[in-house]
């Protein structure tokens, strides 16, 4: 066989291998068959307050609803001029500032209070709002006190709750060695703090009105749960397949969470 023929055969084999890998990726990617999933109630006004991970989720919503115009972002500082909530749809905006959870609560309450046409509303903290040094009990009390007053003052609005998103953590023998003997810390304490806060949310409110973002982030496409052990306890972590930077959601993560979010929202019944 001549060198030229060998070269052609080699290139062909590489091409076939690449096609095979691409097809395998498509088969393993649950978002490959996503077309349209616009199942939100067309007569309902939704509001979601968030920051960056929330933006990942709303990007996912736009994707799986074929960029439907029912997914509408507005700027909180321009709310009077933009006049959202003028018709049914899913409205969202950034609220507060990261690492200032009380400001997020305040902004969320302000939007809901001043816009009685909102039928279903919820907000989420970011992973940077809850870390190892956070006073979990105090934050939980602040959140529930303020949100419960909002619920009482607006009985015709469904207020839902979201668990705090998680981050990816390092595991394995090498990580254990570095943690045990070198004092390294790979985000596990922060994730534990988030899950402690999340468990308080799960224990207080009805499961039907909790969007368990943390659990969804930890659940792999095949159904297994990403977790780690600390002091003989098991704690959830963001699945590596859903993130490229350890915290924010990649395309697969966005689509996976968005599908769960849209199903959750559609399950809520307008009062």
C-alpha atoms as a PDB file:
ATOM      1  CA  UNK A   1       0.000   0.000   0.000  1.00  0.00           C
ATOM      2  CA  UNK A   2       1.404   3.368  -1.038  1.00  0.00           C
ATOM      3  CA  UNK A   3       1.970   6.167   1.452  1.00  0.00           C
ATOM      4  CA  UNK A   4      -0.731   8.236  -0.270  1.00  0.00           C
ATOM      5  CA  UNK A   5      -3.327   5.468   0.117  1.00  0.00           C
ATOM      6  CA  UNK A   6      -2.275   4.909   3.735  1.00  0.00           C
ATOM      7  CA  UNK A   7      -2.740   8.619   4.396  1.00  0.00           C
ATOM      8  CA  UNK A   8      -6.234   8.599   2.850  1.00  0.00           C
ATOM      9  CA  UNK A   9      -7.216   5.510   4.858  1.00  0.00           C
ATOM     10  CA  UNK A  10      -5.869   7.088   8.044  1.00  0.00           C
ATOM     11  CA  UNK A  11      -7.820  10.294   7.505  1.00  0.00           C
ATOM     12  CA  UNK A  12     -10.979   8.292   6.787  1.00  0.00           C
ATOM     13  CA  UNK A  13     -10.623   6.294   9.978  1.00  0.00           C
ATOM     14  CA  UNK A  14     -10.140   9.474  12.028  1.00  0.00           C
ATOM     15  CA  UNK A  15     -13.220  11.021  10.393  1.00  0.00           C
ATOM     16  CA  UNK A  16     -15.299   7.935  11.162  1.00  0.00           C
ATOM     17  CA  UNK A  17     -14.096   7.985  14.765  1.00  0.00           C
ATOM     18  CA  UNK A  18     -15.042  11.646  15.139  1.00  0.00           C
ATOM     19  CA  UNK A  19     -18.508  11.027  13.700  1.00  0.00           C
ATOM     20  CA  UNK A  20     -18.939   8.095  16.065  1.00  0.00           C
ATOM     21  CA  UNK A  21     -17.958  10.252  19.073  1.00  0.00           C
ATOM     22  CA  UNK A  22     -20.322  13.016  17.985  1.00  0.00           C
ATOM     23  CA  UNK A  23     -23.217  10.586  17.629  1.00  0.00           C
ATOM     24  CA  UNK A  24     -22.435   9.143  21.058  1.00  0.00           C
ATOM     25  CA  UNK A  25     -22.454  12.645  22.547  1.00  0.00           C
ATOM     26  CA  UNK A  26     -25.835  13.290  20.958  1.00  0.00           C
ATOM     27  CA  UNK A  27     -27.212  10.018  22.322  1.00  0.00           C
ATOM     28  CA  UNK A  28     -25.949  10.785  25.840  1.00  0.00           C
ATOM     29  CA  UNK A  29     -27.166  14.397  25.812  1.00  0.00           C
ATOM     30  CA  UNK A  30     -30.797  14.623  26.948  1.00  0.00           C
ATOM     31  CA  UNK A  31     -31.082  18.097  25.426  1.00  0.00           C
ATOM     32  CA  UNK A  32     -30.417  16.838  21.897  1.00  0.00           C
ATOM     33  CA  UNK A  33     -34.103  16.045  21.343  1.00  0.00           C
ATOM     34  CA  UNK A  34     -35.441  19.258  22.906  1.00  0.00           C
ATOM     35  CA  UNK A  35     -37.705  21.209  20.591  1.00  0.00           C
ATOM     36  CA  UNK A  36     -40.460  23.176  22.296  1.00  0.00           C
ATOM     37  CA  UNK A  37     -41.709  22.875  25.869  1.00  0.00           C
ATOM     38  CA  UNK A  38     -43.876  25.972  26.258  1.00  0.00           C
ATOM     39  CA  UNK A  39     -46.193  24.664  28.960  1.00  0.00           C
ATOM     40  CA  UNK A  40     -46.582  27.819  31.028  1.00  0.00           C
ATOM     41  CA  UNK A  41     -50.153  28.951  31.546  1.00  0.00           C
ATOM     42  CA  UNK A  42     -50.858  31.575  28.903  1.00  0.00           C
ATOM     43  CA  UNK A  43     -53.211  33.475  31.227  1.00  0.00           C
ATOM     44  CA  UNK A  44     -50.778  33.787  34.123  1.00  0.00           C
ATOM     45  CA  UNK A  45     -48.294  36.506  35.079  1.00  0.00           C
ATOM     46  CA  UNK A  46     -45.122  34.970  36.550  1.00  0.00           C
ATOM     47  CA  UNK A  47     -42.237  36.796  38.236  1.00  0.00           C
ATOM     48  CA  UNK A  48     -38.804  35.417  39.096  1.00  0.00           C
ATOM     49  CA  UNK A  49     -36.109  37.456  40.876  1.00  0.00           C
ATOM     50  CA  UNK A  50     -32.528  36.221  40.627  1.00  0.00           C
ATOM     51  CA  UNK A  51     -28.883  36.872  39.796  1.00  0.00           C
ATOM     52  CA  UNK A  52     -26.388  34.964  37.611  1.00  0.00           C
ATOM     53  CA  UNK A  53     -27.434  31.322  38.116  1.00  0.00           C
ATOM     54  CA  UNK A  54     -31.012  32.513  37.717  1.00  0.00           C
ATOM     55  CA  UNK A  55     -29.980  34.045  34.417  1.00  0.00           C
ATOM     56  CA  UNK A  56     -28.587  30.638  33.432  1.00  0.00           C
ATOM     57  CA  UNK A  57     -31.994  29.156  34.176  1.00  0.00           C
ATOM     58  CA  UNK A  58     -33.924  31.797  32.224  1.00  0.00           C
ATOM     59  CA  UNK A  59     -31.532  31.347  29.296  1.00  0.00           C
ATOM     60  CA  UNK A  60     -32.449  27.676  29.443  1.00  0.00           C
ATOM     61  CA  UNK A  61     -36.144  28.559  29.499  1.00  0.00           C
ATOM     62  CA  UNK A  62     -35.728  30.696  26.396  1.00  0.00           C
ATOM     63  CA  UNK A  63     -33.945  27.834  24.650  1.00  0.00           C
ATOM     64  CA  UNK A  64     -36.448  25.094  25.406  1.00  0.00           C
ATOM     65  CA  UNK A  65     -39.397  27.329  24.568  1.00  0.00           C
ATOM     66  CA  UNK A  66     -37.840  28.190  21.195  1.00  0.00           C
ATOM     67  CA  UNK A  67     -37.070  31.705  22.429  1.00  0.00           C
ATOM     68  CA  UNK A  68     -40.748  32.328  23.065  1.00  0.00           C
ATOM     69  CA  UNK A  69     -41.692  35.948  23.658  1.00  0.00           C
ATOM     70  CA  UNK A  70     -43.439  34.829  26.834  1.00  0.00           C
ATOM     71  CA  UNK A  71     -39.995  34.826  28.525  1.00  0.00           C
ATOM     72  CA  UNK A  72     -39.367  38.512  29.180  1.00  0.00           C
ATOM     73  CA  UNK A  73     -36.464  40.119  31.009  1.00  0.00           C
ATOM     74  CA  UNK A  74     -36.651  43.634  32.389  1.00  0.00           C
ATOM     75  CA  UNK A  75     -34.343  45.945  34.295  1.00  0.00           C
ATOM     76  CA  UNK A  76     -35.446  46.620  37.844  1.00  0.00           C
ATOM     77  CA  UNK A  77     -34.094  50.167  37.755  1.00  0.00           C
ATOM     78  CA  UNK A  78     -36.288  50.871  34.707  1.00  0.00           C
ATOM     79  CA  UNK A  79     -39.402  49.111  35.943  1.00  0.00           C
ATOM     80  CA  UNK A  80     -41.562  52.243  35.742  1.00  0.00           C
ATOM     81  CA  UNK A  81     -40.644  52.970  32.132  1.00  0.00           C
ATOM     82  CA  UNK A  82     -40.504  49.347  30.939  1.00  0.00           C
ATOM     83  CA  UNK A  83     -43.843  48.527  32.605  1.00  0.00           C
ATOM     84  CA  UNK A  84     -43.579  44.735  32.799  1.00  0.00           C
ATOM     85  CA  UNK A  85     -46.524  42.558  33.819  1.00  0.00           C
ATOM     86  CA  UNK A  86     -48.805  44.340  31.338  1.00  0.00           C
ATOM     87  CA  UNK A  87     -49.842  41.006  29.878  1.00  0.00           C
ATOM     88  CA  UNK A  88     -49.510  37.309  30.809  1.00  0.00           C
ATOM     89  CA  UNK A  89     -46.015  35.858  30.566  1.00  0.00           C
ATOM     90  CA  UNK A  90     -42.889  34.905  32.494  1.00  0.00           C
ATOM     91  CA  UNK A  91     -41.081  38.044  33.665  1.00  0.00           C
ATOM     92  CA  UNK A  92     -37.685  38.025  35.342  1.00  0.00           C
ATOM     93  CA  UNK A  93     -34.988  40.451  36.448  1.00  0.00           C
ATOM     94  CA  UNK A  94     -31.873  40.692  38.584  1.00  0.00           C
ATOM     95  CA  UNK A  95     -32.624  41.696  42.153  1.00  0.00           C
ATOM     96  CA  UNK A  96     -30.368  43.066  44.888  1.00  0.00           C
ATOM     97  CA  UNK A  97     -26.671  42.332  44.874  1.00  0.00           C
ATOM     98  CA  UNK A  98     -24.671  39.180  45.378  1.00  0.00           C
ATOM     99  CA  UNK A  99     -23.502  38.672  48.956  1.00  0.00           C
ATOM    100  CA  UNK A 100     -26.317  40.938  50.163  1.00  0.00           C
ATOM    101  CA  UNK A 101     -29.257  38.547  50.543  1.00  0.00           C
ATOM    102  CA  UNK A 102     -31.416  41.026  52.457  1.00  0.00           C
ATOM    103  CA  UNK A 103     -31.254  43.443  49.511  1.00  0.00           C
ATOM    104  CA  UNK A 104     -32.508  40.660  47.272  1.00  0.00           C
ATOM    105  CA  UNK A 105     -35.413  39.979  49.626  1.00  0.00           C
ATOM    106  CA  UNK A 106     -36.240  43.690  49.763  1.00  0.00           C
ATOM    107  CA  UNK A 107     -36.243  44.092  45.973  1.00  0.00           C
ATOM    108  CA  UNK A 108     -38.372  40.990  45.503  1.00  0.00           C
ATOM    109  CA  UNK A 109     -40.950  42.145  48.044  1.00  0.00           C
ATOM    110  CA  UNK A 110     -41.071  45.581  46.447  1.00  0.00           C
ATOM    111  CA  UNK A 111     -41.818  44.185  42.979  1.00  0.00           C
ATOM    112  CA  UNK A 112     -44.573  41.861  44.202  1.00  0.00           C
ATOM    113  CA  UNK A 113     -46.123  44.488  46.475  1.00  0.00           C
ATOM    114  CA  UNK A 114     -46.286  47.124  43.738  1.00  0.00           C
ATOM    115  CA  UNK A 115     -47.589  44.807  41.020  1.00  0.00           C
ATOM    116  CA  UNK A 116     -50.740  43.012  42.205  1.00  0.00           C
ATOM    117  CA  UNK A 117     -51.277  41.557  38.733  1.00  0.00           C
ATOM    118  CA  UNK A 118     -48.474  39.048  39.447  1.00  0.00           C
ATOM    119  CA  UNK A 119     -50.051  35.644  40.009  1.00  0.00           C
ATOM    120  CA  UNK A 120     -47.022  33.466  40.766  1.00  0.00           C
ATOM    121  CA  UNK A 121     -43.687  34.750  42.085  1.00  0.00           C
ATOM    122  CA  UNK A 122     -40.462  33.490  43.588  1.00  0.00           C
ATOM    123  CA  UNK A 123     -36.849  34.476  44.168  1.00  0.00           C
ATOM    124  CA  UNK A 124     -33.599  32.667  44.672  1.00  0.00           C
ATOM    125  CA  UNK A 125     -30.365  33.367  46.467  1.00  0.00           C
ATOM    126  CA  UNK A 126     -27.042  32.732  44.755  1.00  0.00           C
ATOM    127  CA  UNK A 127     -24.410  30.339  46.046  1.00  0.00           C
ATOM    128  CA  UNK A 128     -22.243  33.306  47.118  1.00  0.00           C
ATOM    129  CA  UNK A 129     -25.031  34.461  49.465  1.00  0.00           C
ATOM    130  CA  UNK A 130     -24.682  31.365  51.641  1.00  0.00           C
ATOM    131  CA  UNK A 131     -21.192  30.235  52.640  1.00  0.00           C
ATOM    132  CA  UNK A 132     -19.480  28.638  55.601  1.00  0.00           C
ATOM    133  CA  UNK A 133     -19.339  31.914  57.547  1.00  0.00           C
ATOM    134  CA  UNK A 134     -23.033  32.721  57.009  1.00  0.00           C
ATOM    135  CA  UNK A 135     -25.286  32.772  60.074  1.00  0.00           C
ATOM    136  CA  UNK A 136     -27.730  30.244  58.641  1.00  0.00           C
ATOM    137  CA  UNK A 137     -30.343  30.566  61.384  1.00  0.00           C
ATOM    138  CA  UNK A 138     -30.383  34.361  61.165  1.00  0.00           C
ATOM    139  CA  UNK A 139     -30.675  34.414  57.371  1.00  0.00           C
ATOM    140  CA  UNK A 140     -33.439  31.812  57.455  1.00  0.00           C
ATOM    141  CA  UNK A 141     -35.365  33.789  60.064  1.00  0.00           C
ATOM    142  CA  UNK A 142     -34.974  37.013  58.078  1.00  0.00           C
ATOM    143  CA  UNK A 143     -36.131  35.303  54.892  1.00  0.00           C
ATOM    144  CA  UNK A 144     -39.141  33.564  56.413  1.00  0.00           C
ATOM    145  CA  UNK A 145     -40.251  36.572  58.448  1.00  0.00           C
ATOM    146  CA  UNK A 146     -40.234  38.876  55.429  1.00  0.00           C
ATOM    147  CA  UNK A 147     -41.597  36.388  52.911  1.00  0.00           C
ATOM    148  CA  UNK A 148     -44.325  35.127  55.238  1.00  0.00           C
ATOM    149  CA  UNK A 149     -45.516  38.722  55.725  1.00  0.00           C
ATOM    150  CA  UNK A 150     -45.595  39.086  51.943  1.00  0.00           C
ATOM    151  CA  UNK A 151     -47.651  35.905  51.645  1.00  0.00           C
ATOM    152  CA  UNK A 152     -50.080  37.159  54.277  1.00  0.00           C
ATOM    153  CA  UNK A 153     -50.430  40.553  52.600  1.00  0.00           C
ATOM    154  CA  UNK A 154     -50.945  39.075  49.129  1.00  0.00           C
ATOM    155  CA  UNK A 155     -53.219  36.035  49.540  1.00  0.00           C
ATOM    156  CA  UNK A 156     -54.041  35.965  45.817  1.00  0.00           C
ATOM    157  CA  UNK A 157     -50.412  35.558  44.779  1.00  0.00           C
ATOM    158  CA  UNK A 158     -48.657  32.204  44.943  1.00  0.00           C
ATOM    159  CA  UNK A 159     -45.191  32.680  46.406  1.00  0.00           C
ATOM    160  CA  UNK A 160     -42.817  29.805  45.730  1.00  0.00           C
ATOM    161  CA  UNK A 161     -39.411  29.147  47.285  1.00  0.00           C
ATOM    162  CA  UNK A 162     -36.127  28.019  45.769  1.00  0.00           C
ATOM    163  CA  UNK A 163     -33.288  26.174  47.420  1.00  0.00           C
ATOM    164  CA  UNK A 164     -29.827  27.739  47.145  1.00  0.00           C
ATOM    165  CA  UNK A 165     -27.756  26.488  44.194  1.00  0.00           C
ATOM    166  CA  UNK A 166     -24.656  24.428  44.906  1.00  0.00           C
ATOM    167  CA  UNK A 167     -21.113  24.360  43.600  1.00  0.00           C
ATOM    168  CA  UNK A 168     -18.976  21.522  42.299  1.00  0.00           C
ATOM    169  CA  UNK A 169     -16.513  20.079  44.803  1.00  0.00           C
ATOM    170  CA  UNK A 170     -13.393  17.997  44.412  1.00  0.00           C
ATOM    171  CA  UNK A 171     -13.423  14.425  45.669  1.00  0.00           C
ATOM    172  CA  UNK A 172     -11.175  11.385  45.526  1.00  0.00           C
ATOM    173  CA  UNK A 173      -8.125  10.087  47.359  1.00  0.00           C
ATOM    174  CA  UNK A 174      -5.767  12.905  46.329  1.00  0.00           C
ATOM    175  CA  UNK A 175      -8.274  15.503  47.472  1.00  0.00           C
ATOM    176  CA  UNK A 176      -8.677  13.687  50.803  1.00  0.00           C
ATOM    177  CA  UNK A 177      -4.890  13.673  51.279  1.00  0.00           C
ATOM    178  CA  UNK A 178      -4.661  17.423  50.597  1.00  0.00           C
ATOM    179  CA  UNK A 179      -7.605  18.186  52.873  1.00  0.00           C
ATOM    180  CA  UNK A 180      -6.396  15.967  55.695  1.00  0.00           C
ATOM    181  CA  UNK A 181      -2.700  16.705  55.708  1.00  0.00           C
ATOM    182  CA  UNK A 182      -2.315  20.021  53.861  1.00  0.00           C
ATOM    183  CA  UNK A 183      -5.328  21.927  55.147  1.00  0.00           C
ATOM    184  CA  UNK A 184      -6.801  22.395  51.684  1.00  0.00           C
ATOM    185  CA  UNK A 185     -10.503  23.206  51.355  1.00  0.00           C
ATOM    186  CA  UNK A 186     -12.406  22.585  48.164  1.00  0.00           C
ATOM    187  CA  UNK A 187     -15.745  24.274  48.791  1.00  0.00           C
ATOM    188  CA  UNK A 188     -17.279  21.496  50.826  1.00  0.00           C
ATOM    189  CA  UNK A 189     -17.918  23.635  53.905  1.00  0.00           C
ATOM    190  CA  UNK A 190     -19.737  26.214  51.786  1.00  0.00           C
ATOM    191  CA  UNK A 191     -21.913  23.539  50.185  1.00  0.00           C
ATOM    192  CA  UNK A 192     -22.724  22.141  53.621  1.00  0.00           C
ATOM    193  CA  UNK A 193     -23.859  25.603  54.722  1.00  0.00           C
ATOM    194  CA  UNK A 194     -26.068  25.876  51.627  1.00  0.00           C
ATOM    195  CA  UNK A 195     -27.616  22.492  52.257  1.00  0.00           C
ATOM    196  CA  UNK A 196     -28.263  23.346  55.902  1.00  0.00           C
ATOM    197  CA  UNK A 197     -30.185  26.405  54.750  1.00  0.00           C
ATOM    198  CA  UNK A 198     -31.941  24.369  52.069  1.00  0.00           C
ATOM    199  CA  UNK A 199     -33.034  21.768  54.587  1.00  0.00           C
ATOM    200  CA  UNK A 200     -34.644  24.481  56.694  1.00  0.00           C
ATOM    201  CA  UNK A 201     -36.603  25.587  53.617  1.00  0.00           C
ATOM    202  CA  UNK A 202     -37.628  21.995  52.855  1.00  0.00           C
ATOM    203  CA  UNK A 203     -38.775  21.456  56.429  1.00  0.00           C
ATOM    204  CA  UNK A 204     -40.818  24.655  56.705  1.00  0.00           C
ATOM    205  CA  UNK A 205     -42.693  24.933  53.426  1.00  0.00           C
ATOM    206  CA  UNK A 206     -44.949  22.606  51.486  1.00  0.00           C
ATOM    207  CA  UNK A 207     -42.974  20.548  48.961  1.00  0.00           C
ATOM    208  CA  UNK A 208     -45.426  21.613  46.255  1.00  0.00           C
ATOM    209  CA  UNK A 209     -44.246  25.236  46.416  1.00  0.00           C
ATOM    210  CA  UNK A 210     -40.487  24.546  46.653  1.00  0.00           C
ATOM    211  CA  UNK A 211     -38.354  24.543  43.531  1.00  0.00           C
ATOM    212  CA  UNK A 212     -35.539  22.307  44.768  1.00  0.00           C
ATOM    213  CA  UNK A 213     -32.819  23.731  42.554  1.00  0.00           C
ATOM    214  CA  UNK A 214     -30.013  22.213  44.653  1.00  0.00           C
ATOM    215  CA  UNK A 215     -31.386  18.691  44.289  1.00  0.00           C
ATOM    216  CA  UNK A 216     -31.858  19.101  40.544  1.00  0.00           C
ATOM    217  CA  UNK A 217     -28.293  20.385  40.160  1.00  0.00           C
ATOM    218  CA  UNK A 218     -26.954  17.382  42.068  1.00  0.00           C
ATOM    219  CA  UNK A 219     -28.939  14.788  40.108  1.00  0.00           C
ATOM    220  CA  UNK A 220     -27.059  13.437  37.107  1.00  0.00           C
ATOM    221  CA  UNK A 221     -28.806  12.696  33.790  1.00  0.00           C
ATOM    222  CA  UNK A 222     -28.883   8.975  34.604  1.00  0.00           C
ATOM    223  CA  UNK A 223     -30.494   9.630  37.987  1.00  0.00           C
ATOM    224  CA  UNK A 224     -27.542   9.232  40.357  1.00  0.00           C
ATOM    225  CA  UNK A 225     -26.816  11.994  42.876  1.00  0.00           C
ATOM    226  CA  UNK A 226     -23.489  13.819  43.104  1.00  0.00           C
ATOM    227  CA  UNK A 227     -22.485  13.976  46.749  1.00  0.00           C
ATOM    228  CA  UNK A 228     -19.582  13.863  49.184  1.00  0.00           C
ATOM    229  CA  UNK A 229     -19.037  12.693  52.738  1.00  0.00           C
ATOM    230  CA  UNK A 230     -18.001  14.957  55.580  1.00  0.00           C
ATOM    231  CA  UNK A 231     -17.909  13.720  59.183  1.00  0.00           C
ATOM    232  CA  UNK A 232     -19.896  10.630  58.167  1.00  0.00           C
ATOM    233  CA  UNK A 233     -22.708  12.762  56.704  1.00  0.00           C
ATOM    234  CA  UNK A 234     -23.642  12.819  53.025  1.00  0.00           C
ATOM    235  CA  UNK A 235     -23.973  16.199  51.291  1.00  0.00           C
ATOM    236  CA  UNK A 236     -25.038  17.087  47.760  1.00  0.00           C
ATOM    237  CA  UNK A 237     -22.908  18.995  45.253  1.00  0.00           C
ATOM    238  CA  UNK A 238     -23.366  20.386  41.765  1.00  0.00           C
ATOM    239  CA  UNK A 239     -22.868  17.659  39.181  1.00  0.00           C
ATOM    240  CA  UNK A 240     -19.697  18.242  37.128  1.00  0.00           C
ATOM    241  CA  UNK A 241     -21.603  17.559  33.906  1.00  0.00           C
ATOM    242  CA  UNK A 242     -23.777  20.641  34.432  1.00  0.00           C
ATOM    243  CA  UNK A 243     -21.006  23.227  34.809  1.00  0.00           C
ATOM    244  CA  UNK A 244     -17.866  24.466  33.099  1.00  0.00           C
ATOM    245  CA  UNK A 245     -16.632  26.766  35.870  1.00  0.00           C
ATOM    246  CA  UNK A 246     -17.784  24.928  38.993  1.00  0.00           C
ATOM    247  CA  UNK A 247     -20.766  27.159  39.763  1.00  0.00           C
ATOM    248  CA  UNK A 248     -22.655  28.434  36.746  1.00  0.00           C
ATOM    249  CA  UNK A 249     -24.681  26.171  34.491  1.00  0.00           C
ATOM    250  CA  UNK A 250     -23.465  25.104  31.050  1.00  0.00           C
ATOM    251  CA  UNK A 251     -25.838  24.348  28.161  1.00  0.00           C
ATOM    252  CA  UNK A 252     -26.750  20.912  29.524  1.00  0.00           C
ATOM    253  CA  UNK A 253     -27.212  22.291  33.036  1.00  0.00           C
ATOM    254  CA  UNK A 254     -29.347  25.170  31.806  1.00  0.00           C
ATOM    255  CA  UNK A 255     -31.640  22.927  29.785  1.00  0.00           C
ATOM    256  CA  UNK A 256     -31.919  20.323  32.551  1.00  0.00           C
ATOM    257  CA  UNK A 257     -32.812  22.845  35.253  1.00  0.00           C
ATOM    258  CA  UNK A 258     -35.085  24.828  32.924  1.00  0.00           C
ATOM    259  CA  UNK A 259     -37.114  21.718  32.064  1.00  0.00           C
ATOM    260  CA  UNK A 260     -37.642  21.044  35.755  1.00  0.00           C
ATOM    261  CA  UNK A 261     -38.433  24.699  36.436  1.00  0.00           C
ATOM    262  CA  UNK A 262     -41.045  24.981  33.714  1.00  0.00           C
ATOM    263  CA  UNK A 263     -42.676  21.746  34.895  1.00  0.00           C
ATOM    264  CA  UNK A 264     -42.678  23.068  38.466  1.00  0.00           C
ATOM    265  CA  UNK A 265     -44.241  26.394  37.446  1.00  0.00           C
ATOM    266  CA  UNK A 266     -46.922  24.651  35.420  1.00  0.00           C
ATOM    267  CA  UNK A 267     -47.832  22.563  38.475  1.00  0.00           C
ATOM    268  CA  UNK A 268     -48.643  25.657  40.531  1.00  0.00           C
ATOM    269  CA  UNK A 269     -52.318  26.533  40.492  1.00  0.00           C
ATOM    270  CA  UNK A 270     -53.320  30.143  40.246  1.00  0.00           C
ATOM    271  CA  UNK A 271     -55.332  31.284  43.255  1.00  0.00           C
END
